[in-house]
Amino acid sequence: MIAAASVYSIIVTLTFIVYVILIVIPYLRRRPDPEGRVEAFQWHMFVPCRDEEVVIGRTIRMLRTTVPQAHVWVIDDDSDDDTAAIVQAAADVDPFVHLVQRRRPEARTGKGDALNAAYFRLNAFLPADTVRADVIVCVVDADGEVAENILRQAASPKAFGDPEVGAAQVTVFMKNRDDRTPVPEAGRARNTFGRFLIRMQDMEFRGQIAAVQALRGWTQTVGLGGNGQFTRLSVLDDIAARSDRPWHGSLLEDYELGIHILLTGHKNRHLHDTYVAQEALHDFRRFAVQRTRWAQGNMQCIRYIPEIVRSRRLSTVGILEVCYYLLLPVFQLFACLAAVTLVIAAVVGIATGAVAVPLMLLLPLAVSYLVLGIGPFFVWGPLYRRHCEPDAGFWTSVMWGFGVWLYDYYVYVAGARAIYRIARGRNGWAKTRRNAEVDVAGPIAKDA
């Protein structure tokens, strides 16, 4: 068993190092994308909401100011607060603002269902002679803030200016990444941890995830996220024609949609030169709930692997990339078990005298661990400083690099919790509380 665990750990480590190299190279070589003509398309922003009274008014004003060409469709998922009233008040004075009202028992069944409701409302709103390939839908979180150039980048010849492109995902920033006191009433230790967690999320999205998307641009398998996700309406129609609705039941409905788009033969693109900003979480409990939902949704999408492998619309490297990503939480969990097995065996062996480690081997072992175990995580500190935060100091980037190594251990916690939920048959969609929220109603939050 120990030998098997050793072999598995070595294979997983080497595979991960190769993967890191593969995503860093296109990330470093990437060149800026051109902009396109916004007026060539119709734009519709979908904003799913549940109990978002603390942010939704500001988000509507931001969208109407920053992207005034776009209609704003706010989907109220039967909120218990004043979300619907705030949206309706805005809609009463602005014909570009629309309220999509959902009620239980149909409501609160997942973000995908809420987006489907907006899709069908948009269908009823558009004239029959609309050129649906020229209509672009963008999903924005209730606390999202879009960049001023987001529509110009989406209209780029490399994005929707190319008729083969069905969807595009923008880079995600954490808008509170420089917040010095994320929990004003808390002590120094809690605020320090909160700042660390926020910074790591910004590094994750602007660094690691952006780099992964650069690789996927080469493999033609760009994934979609839940915030800043653009899709051509005609492509949503193609998916709905196959299964009566565009979005499906996975807890990772965004990446799942991207899979369906690829399987229909359309291309996905990542827009590196614009962004949507969202709020990073500053406490681990809510963070764990969010990431558990993502890990579980990832595992739910594993069921698409047979169809992906059979697809003639994806290249061999594209199939490998998608399958690796979908199976990654499982690989990580087994890697964790293998590592724990090896550590226990080593401790027991050394304590009983069955295993003797020559003193002269300690330094090479430590160096090997630093290079192979920490190095693939550490590199993101300097890379993030170079590409995202050039004003930060060198030693700050070093600390960020070691922080990524510690931060990424969350995947084991999230993966284990996701498997536990799957085993218990708990598939409910739980809303992640905003930092400014005091109370969130609804029993579904208990399902996290």
Protein backbone atom coordinates (compact mmCIF):
# COMPACT_ATOMS: atom_id res chain seq x y z
CA MET A 1 0.00 0.00 0.00
CA ILE A 2 2.85 2.36 0.89
CA ALA A 3 4.59 1.60 -2.40
CA ALA A 4 1.38 2.30 -4.32
CA ALA A 5 0.90 5.58 -2.43
CA SER A 6 4.47 6.59 -3.24
CA VAL A 7 4.07 5.88 -6.94
CA TYR A 8 0.73 7.71 -7.07
CA SER A 9 2.17 10.76 -5.27
CA ILE A 10 5.11 10.95 -7.68
CA ILE A 11 2.85 10.66 -10.74
CA VAL A 12 0.43 13.31 -9.47
CA THR A 13 3.27 15.68 -8.53
CA LEU A 14 5.02 15.38 -11.89
CA THR A 15 1.74 15.73 -13.78
CA PHE A 16 0.91 18.87 -11.82
CA ILE A 17 4.34 20.39 -12.48
CA VAL A 18 3.98 19.76 -16.21
CA TYR A 19 0.51 21.32 -16.11
CA VAL A 20 1.84 24.42 -14.34
CA ILE A 21 4.56 24.81 -16.98
CA LEU A 22 1.98 24.43 -19.75
CA ILE A 23 -0.26 27.17 -18.34
CA VAL A 24 2.57 29.60 -17.51
CA ILE A 25 4.05 29.64 -21.02
CA PRO A 26 0.97 30.94 -22.91
CA TYR A 27 0.22 33.29 -20.01
CA LEU A 28 3.63 34.94 -20.43
CA ARG A 29 3.47 35.01 -24.23
CA ARG A 30 -0.01 36.47 -24.54
CA ARG A 31 -0.49 39.72 -26.50
CA PRO A 32 -3.31 42.30 -26.06
CA ASP A 33 -6.51 41.70 -28.03
CA PRO A 34 -8.05 44.29 -30.38
CA GLU A 35 -11.39 45.95 -29.66
CA GLY A 36 -14.56 45.76 -31.75
CA ARG A 37 -17.71 47.70 -32.64
CA VAL A 38 -20.19 47.64 -29.75
CA GLU A 39 -23.04 48.87 -31.98
CA ALA A 40 -22.79 45.71 -34.10
CA PHE A 41 -24.56 43.74 -31.35
CA GLN A 42 -27.48 43.91 -28.93
CA TRP A 43 -26.42 43.51 -25.30
CA HIS A 44 -28.43 42.07 -22.40
CA MET A 45 -27.06 41.71 -18.86
CA PHE A 46 -28.56 38.94 -16.69
CA VAL A 47 -28.20 39.58 -12.94
CA PRO A 48 -29.46 36.67 -10.77
CA CYS A 49 -30.45 37.80 -7.27
CA ARG A 50 -31.65 36.38 -4.00
CA ASP A 51 -31.78 38.66 -0.97
CA GLU A 52 -29.47 41.25 -2.53
CA GLU A 53 -30.99 44.51 -1.26
CA VAL A 54 -27.62 45.65 0.08
CA VAL A 55 -25.98 45.68 -3.36
CA ILE A 56 -28.53 45.49 -6.20
CA GLY A 57 -29.40 49.19 -6.43
CA ARG A 58 -25.75 50.16 -6.80
CA THR A 59 -25.18 47.38 -9.35
CA ILE A 60 -28.08 48.55 -11.54
CA ARG A 61 -26.77 52.12 -11.51
CA MET A 62 -23.26 50.91 -12.31
CA LEU A 63 -24.43 48.84 -15.30
CA ARG A 64 -26.63 51.58 -16.69
CA THR A 65 -23.73 54.04 -16.43
CA THR A 66 -20.86 51.83 -17.58
CA VAL A 67 -22.65 49.88 -20.35
CA PRO A 68 -25.61 52.15 -21.24
CA GLN A 69 -26.20 50.21 -24.49
CA ALA A 70 -27.21 47.11 -22.53
CA HIS A 71 -30.56 46.05 -21.14
CA VAL A 72 -30.36 44.92 -17.51
CA TRP A 73 -32.46 41.89 -16.56
CA VAL A 74 -32.54 41.32 -12.81
CA ILE A 75 -33.85 37.88 -11.82
CA ASP A 76 -35.31 38.00 -8.32
CA ASP A 77 -35.31 34.43 -7.00
CA ASP A 78 -38.14 35.00 -4.50
CA SER A 79 -36.13 37.19 -2.14
CA ASP A 80 -37.34 37.72 1.42
CA ASP A 81 -35.94 41.25 1.52
CA ASP A 82 -36.60 44.34 -0.63
CA THR A 83 -34.62 43.21 -3.69
CA ALA A 84 -37.67 43.03 -5.98
CA ALA A 85 -39.00 46.41 -4.83
CA ILE A 86 -35.65 48.11 -5.51
CA VAL A 87 -35.47 46.60 -8.99
CA GLN A 88 -39.07 47.44 -9.81
CA ALA A 89 -38.53 51.04 -8.76
CA ALA A 90 -35.60 51.25 -11.19
CA ALA A 91 -37.62 49.56 -13.95
CA ASP A 92 -40.49 52.02 -13.51
CA VAL A 93 -38.27 54.92 -14.62
CA ASP A 94 -35.86 53.16 -17.00
CA PRO A 95 -37.08 51.02 -19.94
CA PHE A 96 -33.65 49.33 -20.07
CA VAL A 97 -34.17 47.79 -16.61
CA HIS A 98 -36.36 44.69 -16.30
CA LEU A 99 -37.50 42.62 -13.31
CA VAL A 100 -37.85 38.87 -13.79
CA GLN A 101 -39.85 37.72 -10.77
CA ARG A 102 -39.73 34.08 -9.62
CA ARG A 103 -41.85 32.54 -6.89
CA ARG A 104 -41.60 29.38 -4.84
CA PRO A 105 -41.90 26.44 -5.33
CA GLU A 106 -40.33 27.10 -8.76
CA ALA A 107 -37.85 29.59 -7.30
CA ARG A 108 -34.72 28.90 -5.26
CA THR A 109 -33.83 25.78 -7.22
CA GLY A 110 -30.45 26.97 -8.45
CA LYS A 111 -28.74 29.71 -10.40
CA GLY A 112 -29.18 27.86 -13.68
CA ASP A 113 -32.97 27.83 -13.30
CA ALA A 114 -32.96 31.55 -12.56
CA LEU A 115 -30.96 32.24 -15.72
CA ASN A 116 -33.31 30.05 -17.75
CA ALA A 117 -36.22 32.19 -16.55
CA ALA A 118 -34.48 35.32 -17.87
CA TYR A 119 -33.72 33.54 -21.16
CA PHE A 120 -37.39 32.79 -21.75
CA ARG A 121 -38.40 36.34 -20.76
CA LEU A 122 -35.84 37.74 -23.19
CA ASN A 123 -37.26 35.53 -25.94
CA ALA A 124 -40.71 37.01 -25.33
CA PHE A 125 -39.28 40.55 -25.30
CA LEU A 126 -37.36 40.44 -28.57
CA PRO A 127 -39.13 41.10 -31.90
CA ALA A 128 -39.67 38.03 -34.08
CA ASP A 129 -37.33 39.33 -36.80
CA THR A 130 -34.36 39.76 -34.42
CA VAL A 131 -31.06 38.37 -35.71
CA ARG A 132 -30.38 36.19 -32.70
CA ALA A 133 -26.71 35.67 -33.53
CA ASP A 134 -26.26 39.42 -32.96
CA VAL A 135 -27.80 39.30 -29.48
CA ILE A 136 -25.26 38.79 -26.68
CA VAL A 137 -26.22 37.81 -23.13
CA CYS A 138 -23.86 38.52 -20.23
CA VAL A 139 -24.23 37.11 -16.71
CA VAL A 140 -23.10 39.47 -13.94
CA ASP A 141 -23.21 38.83 -10.20
CA ALA A 142 -25.42 41.01 -8.06
CA ASP A 143 -22.31 42.70 -6.63
CA GLY A 144 -20.40 42.73 -9.93
CA GLU A 145 -18.71 45.81 -11.41
CA VAL A 146 -17.80 45.70 -15.10
CA ALA A 147 -14.90 47.49 -16.75
CA GLU A 148 -15.55 50.42 -19.05
CA ASN A 149 -14.15 48.54 -22.07
CA ILE A 150 -15.95 45.24 -21.48
CA LEU A 151 -18.34 45.50 -24.44
CA ARG A 152 -15.61 46.66 -26.82
CA GLN A 153 -13.53 43.65 -25.86
CA ALA A 154 -16.51 41.32 -26.21
CA ALA A 155 -17.15 42.74 -29.71
CA SER A 156 -13.51 42.05 -30.67
CA PRO A 157 -12.69 40.22 -33.92
CA LYS A 158 -11.24 37.53 -31.64
CA ALA A 159 -14.48 37.28 -29.66
CA PHE A 160 -18.01 37.81 -31.00
CA GLY A 161 -16.66 39.52 -34.09
CA ASP A 162 -15.79 35.94 -35.09
CA PRO A 163 -19.08 34.19 -36.03
CA GLU A 164 -17.71 30.85 -34.80
CA VAL A 165 -17.36 32.15 -31.23
CA GLY A 166 -20.33 31.19 -29.10
CA ALA A 167 -19.23 32.44 -25.69
CA ALA A 168 -16.56 34.46 -23.91
CA GLN A 169 -15.43 34.77 -20.31
CA VAL A 170 -13.72 37.85 -18.89
CA THR A 171 -11.04 37.98 -16.21
CA VAL A 172 -12.35 38.38 -12.65
CA PHE A 173 -10.87 40.88 -10.18
CA MET A 174 -11.50 41.08 -6.43
CA LYS A 175 -12.63 44.65 -5.87
CA ASN A 176 -11.84 44.60 -2.13
CA ARG A 177 -8.29 43.26 -2.57
CA ASP A 178 -6.77 46.37 -0.94
CA ASP A 179 -9.18 46.50 2.00
CA ARG A 180 -7.08 46.88 5.15
CA THR A 181 -9.89 46.09 7.59
CA PRO A 182 -12.29 43.60 5.98
CA VAL A 183 -13.95 43.06 9.38
CA PRO A 184 -13.92 46.54 10.98
CA GLU A 185 -15.21 45.39 14.36
CA ALA A 186 -12.77 42.45 14.59
CA GLY A 187 -9.29 42.23 16.05
CA ARG A 188 -5.94 42.32 14.31
CA ALA A 189 -5.60 38.54 13.83
CA ARG A 190 -8.97 38.15 12.15
CA ASN A 191 -8.36 41.13 9.87
CA THR A 192 -4.91 39.80 8.94
CA PHE A 193 -6.41 36.46 7.95
CA GLY A 194 -9.23 38.23 6.12
CA ARG A 195 -6.73 40.29 4.08
CA PHE A 196 -4.76 37.13 3.31
CA LEU A 197 -7.87 35.27 2.10
CA ILE A 198 -8.98 38.19 -0.06
CA ARG A 199 -5.54 38.63 -1.65
CA MET A 200 -5.26 34.91 -2.39
CA GLN A 201 -8.63 34.93 -4.17
CA ASP A 202 -7.49 37.85 -6.34
CA MET A 203 -4.25 36.03 -7.14
CA GLU A 204 -6.19 32.88 -7.94
CA PHE A 205 -8.51 34.57 -10.46
CA ARG A 206 -6.10 37.06 -12.03
CA GLY A 207 -3.14 34.69 -11.93
CA GLN A 208 -3.76 30.95 -11.91
CA ILE A 209 -7.22 30.94 -13.50
CA ALA A 210 -6.26 33.52 -16.13
CA ALA A 211 -3.22 31.41 -16.97
CA VAL A 212 -5.32 28.24 -17.21
CA GLN A 213 -7.62 30.10 -19.60
CA ALA A 214 -4.61 31.10 -21.71
CA LEU A 215 -3.75 27.41 -22.09
CA ARG A 216 -7.37 26.62 -22.86
CA GLY A 217 -7.28 29.22 -25.60
CA TRP A 218 -4.68 27.00 -27.26
CA THR A 219 -6.61 23.76 -26.62
CA GLN A 220 -9.90 25.45 -27.65
CA THR A 221 -11.54 24.53 -24.34
CA VAL A 222 -11.96 27.87 -22.52
CA GLY A 223 -14.24 27.46 -19.52
CA LEU A 224 -17.01 29.84 -18.48
CA GLY A 225 -17.39 31.38 -15.02
CA GLY A 226 -20.47 32.57 -13.20
CA ASN A 227 -19.55 36.25 -13.40
CA GLY A 228 -18.67 38.08 -16.62
CA GLN A 229 -19.93 35.25 -18.84
CA PHE A 230 -20.96 36.31 -22.36
CA THR A 231 -22.97 33.99 -24.63
CA ARG A 232 -24.47 34.44 -28.09
CA LEU A 233 -28.26 34.06 -27.93
CA SER A 234 -28.34 31.81 -31.00
CA VAL A 235 -25.96 29.43 -29.20
CA LEU A 236 -28.23 29.33 -26.15
CA ASP A 237 -31.01 28.47 -28.63
CA ASP A 238 -28.94 25.58 -29.99
CA ILE A 239 -28.47 24.14 -26.50
CA ALA A 240 -32.13 24.65 -25.62
CA ALA A 241 -33.16 22.85 -28.82
CA ARG A 242 -31.29 19.78 -27.56
CA SER A 243 -32.56 19.80 -23.99
CA ASP A 244 -35.35 22.44 -23.72
CA ARG A 245 -33.22 24.94 -21.72
CA PRO A 246 -29.73 26.45 -21.97
CA TRP A 247 -28.61 26.09 -18.35
CA HIS A 248 -28.76 22.73 -16.61
CA GLY A 249 -28.78 21.37 -13.07
CA SER A 250 -25.14 21.27 -12.08
CA LEU A 251 -23.96 23.33 -9.11
CA LEU A 252 -21.26 24.55 -11.50
CA GLU A 253 -23.79 25.73 -14.06
CA ASP A 254 -21.31 28.13 -15.66
CA TYR A 255 -18.66 25.57 -16.57
CA GLU A 256 -21.42 23.11 -17.51
CA LEU A 257 -22.80 25.65 -20.01
CA GLY A 258 -19.32 25.98 -21.50
CA ILE A 259 -19.19 22.21 -22.03
CA HIS A 260 -22.52 22.29 -23.86
CA ILE A 261 -21.30 25.14 -26.06
CA LEU A 262 -18.19 23.20 -27.03
CA LEU A 263 -20.24 20.08 -27.74
CA THR A 264 -22.49 22.04 -30.10
CA GLY A 265 -19.40 22.97 -32.13
CA HIS A 266 -18.99 26.62 -31.10
CA LYS A 267 -15.84 28.23 -29.71
CA ASN A 268 -15.29 29.78 -26.30
CA ARG A 269 -12.88 32.67 -25.76
CA HIS A 270 -11.29 34.28 -22.72
CA LEU A 271 -11.08 38.08 -22.62
CA HIS A 272 -7.88 38.91 -20.73
CA ASP A 273 -7.90 42.66 -21.40
CA THR A 274 -11.07 43.54 -19.56
CA TYR A 275 -12.64 42.42 -16.32
CA VAL A 276 -15.57 42.14 -14.00
CA ALA A 277 -14.89 42.91 -10.33
CA GLN A 278 -16.55 41.02 -7.52
CA GLU A 279 -16.30 40.83 -3.76
CA ALA A 280 -13.82 38.36 -2.26
CA LEU A 281 -14.86 36.53 0.91
CA HIS A 282 -12.93 37.32 4.07
CA ASP A 283 -13.93 34.46 6.37
CA PHE A 284 -13.17 30.80 5.84
CA ARG A 285 -16.62 29.42 6.72
CA ARG A 286 -18.40 31.15 3.81
CA PHE A 287 -15.40 30.55 1.59
CA ALA A 288 -15.57 26.80 2.33
CA VAL A 289 -19.30 26.72 1.53
CA GLN A 290 -18.69 28.45 -1.80
CA ARG A 291 -15.75 26.25 -2.82
CA THR A 292 -17.53 23.07 -1.72
CA ARG A 293 -20.38 23.98 -4.06
CA TRP A 294 -17.92 24.57 -6.88
CA ALA A 295 -16.10 21.26 -6.24
CA GLN A 296 -19.37 19.37 -6.10
CA GLY A 297 -20.54 21.00 -9.32
CA ASN A 298 -17.24 20.05 -10.91
CA MET A 299 -17.78 16.42 -9.91
CA GLN A 300 -21.35 16.51 -11.22
CA CYS A 301 -19.96 17.46 -14.65
CA ILE A 302 -17.87 14.28 -14.74
CA ARG A 303 -20.93 12.61 -16.27
CA TYR A 304 -20.17 14.48 -19.50
CA ILE A 305 -16.78 12.79 -19.97
CA PRO A 306 -18.10 9.95 -22.20
CA GLU A 307 -19.80 12.48 -24.50
CA ILE A 308 -16.68 14.68 -24.50
CA VAL A 309 -14.44 11.74 -25.40
CA ARG A 310 -16.76 10.72 -28.26
CA SER A 311 -17.09 14.26 -29.59
CA ARG A 312 -15.54 15.00 -32.97
CA ARG A 313 -15.75 18.72 -32.31
CA LEU A 314 -12.89 18.67 -29.79
CA SER A 315 -9.24 17.98 -30.50
CA THR A 316 -7.32 15.28 -28.64
CA VAL A 317 -5.51 17.86 -26.48
CA GLY A 318 -8.84 19.57 -25.85
CA ILE A 319 -10.39 16.33 -24.63
CA LEU A 320 -7.39 15.70 -22.37
CA GLU A 321 -7.57 19.22 -20.89
CA VAL A 322 -11.30 19.03 -20.13
CA CYS A 323 -11.07 15.52 -18.66
CA TYR A 324 -8.08 16.49 -16.51
CA TYR A 325 -9.92 19.51 -15.15
CA LEU A 326 -13.08 17.56 -14.40
CA LEU A 327 -11.20 14.77 -12.64
CA LEU A 328 -8.79 17.09 -10.82
CA PRO A 329 -10.77 17.20 -7.52
CA VAL A 330 -10.73 13.40 -7.44
CA PHE A 331 -7.00 13.27 -8.21
CA GLN A 332 -6.34 15.84 -5.49
CA LEU A 333 -8.32 13.92 -2.88
CA PHE A 334 -6.48 10.67 -3.61
CA ALA A 335 -3.19 12.59 -3.58
CA CYS A 336 -4.05 13.90 -0.12
CA LEU A 337 -4.82 10.38 1.12
CA ALA A 338 -1.57 9.10 -0.38
CA ALA A 339 0.42 11.90 1.27
CA VAL A 340 -1.17 11.25 4.66
CA THR A 341 -0.40 7.54 4.29
CA LEU A 342 3.24 8.25 3.52
CA VAL A 343 3.63 10.73 6.38
CA ILE A 344 2.12 8.31 8.90
CA ALA A 345 4.31 5.47 7.61
CA ALA A 346 7.42 7.66 7.82
CA VAL A 347 6.66 8.83 11.36
CA VAL A 348 5.92 5.32 12.57
CA GLY A 349 8.99 3.94 10.80
CA ILE A 350 11.32 6.54 12.28
CA ALA A 351 9.78 6.24 15.77
CA THR A 352 10.16 2.45 15.80
CA GLY A 353 13.58 2.46 14.17
CA ALA A 354 12.33 0.54 11.14
CA VAL A 355 13.22 3.47 8.91
CA ALA A 356 16.52 5.31 9.19
CA VAL A 357 17.04 8.56 7.29
CA PRO A 358 20.75 9.37 6.88
CA LEU A 359 21.54 12.90 7.97
CA MET A 360 23.22 13.60 4.64
CA LEU A 361 19.90 13.02 2.85
CA LEU A 362 17.90 15.55 4.84
CA LEU A 363 19.14 18.58 2.87
CA PRO A 364 18.49 17.02 -0.59
CA LEU A 365 15.03 15.93 0.58
CA ALA A 366 14.24 19.42 1.85
CA VAL A 367 15.45 21.02 -1.40
CA SER A 368 13.43 18.52 -3.45
CA TYR A 369 10.31 19.36 -1.46
CA LEU A 370 10.87 23.11 -1.89
CA VAL A 371 11.31 22.74 -5.66
CA LEU A 372 8.69 20.09 -6.40
CA GLY A 373 6.23 20.56 -3.56
CA ILE A 374 6.17 24.34 -3.04
CA GLY A 375 7.71 25.67 -6.26
CA PRO A 376 4.65 25.16 -8.54
CA PHE A 377 2.60 27.27 -6.13
CA PHE A 378 5.28 29.80 -5.20
CA VAL A 379 5.82 31.00 -8.80
CA TRP A 380 2.41 32.69 -8.78
CA GLY A 381 3.60 35.32 -6.29
CA PRO A 382 6.22 36.89 -8.61
CA LEU A 383 4.04 36.35 -11.70
CA TYR A 384 1.10 38.09 -10.04
CA ARG A 385 3.33 41.01 -9.04
CA ARG A 386 4.69 41.32 -12.60
CA HIS A 387 1.35 41.19 -14.42
CA CYS A 388 -1.18 42.50 -11.90
CA GLU A 389 0.43 44.45 -9.04
CA PRO A 390 3.70 45.97 -10.36
CA ASP A 391 3.85 48.50 -7.51
CA ALA A 392 4.18 45.75 -4.91
CA GLY A 393 7.61 45.02 -3.46
CA PHE A 394 9.71 41.96 -4.31
CA TRP A 395 9.54 40.49 -0.82
CA THR A 396 5.81 41.01 -0.81
CA SER A 397 5.59 38.83 -3.91
CA VAL A 398 7.72 36.20 -2.15
CA MET A 399 5.27 36.14 0.75
CA TRP A 400 2.39 35.95 -1.71
CA GLY A 401 4.05 32.95 -3.35
CA PHE A 402 4.28 31.03 -0.08
CA GLY A 403 0.75 32.17 0.69
CA VAL A 404 -0.52 30.47 -2.47
CA TRP A 405 1.04 27.21 -1.31
CA LEU A 406 -0.84 27.40 1.99
CA TYR A 407 -4.04 28.74 0.44
CA ASP A 408 -4.36 25.96 -2.12
CA TYR A 409 -4.78 23.37 0.61
CA TYR A 410 -8.42 24.45 0.68
CA VAL A 411 -9.01 22.17 -2.32
CA TYR A 412 -8.67 19.12 -0.05
CA VAL A 413 -11.22 20.49 2.39
CA ALA A 414 -13.64 21.43 -0.39
CA GLY A 415 -13.17 18.13 -2.22
CA ALA A 416 -13.77 16.05 0.91
CA ARG A 417 -16.89 18.06 1.81
CA ALA A 418 -18.17 17.76 -1.76
CA ILE A 419 -17.80 13.97 -1.77
CA TYR A 420 -19.53 13.82 1.62
CA ARG A 421 -22.45 15.85 0.25
CA ILE A 422 -22.70 13.66 -2.83
CA ALA A 423 -22.69 10.53 -0.66
CA ARG A 424 -25.49 12.02 1.46
CA GLY A 425 -27.49 13.00 -1.63
CA ARG A 426 -27.31 16.69 -0.74
CA ASN A 427 -27.41 18.61 -4.01
CA GLY A 428 -29.09 21.85 -2.95
CA TRP A 429 -27.76 25.19 -4.19
CA ALA A 430 -26.68 27.39 -1.26
CA LYS A 431 -26.28 31.14 -1.68
CA THR A 432 -22.99 32.56 -0.44
CA ARG A 433 -23.56 35.50 1.90
CA ARG A 434 -22.18 38.89 0.91
CA ASN A 435 -19.73 40.48 3.31
CA ALA A 436 -22.18 43.30 4.00
CA GLU A 437 -25.13 41.03 4.72
CA VAL A 438 -26.36 40.65 8.24
CA ASP A 439 -29.08 38.09 7.60
CA VAL A 440 -29.88 35.75 4.75
CA ALA A 441 -33.25 34.07 4.70
CA GLY A 442 -34.13 30.72 3.23
CA PRO A 443 -33.61 27.15 4.41
CA ILE A 444 -31.52 26.19 1.39
CA ALA A 445 -28.47 27.85 2.96
CA LYS A 446 -28.47 25.01 5.53
CA ASP A 447 -27.76 22.54 2.74
CA ALA A 448 -24.20 23.74 2.28
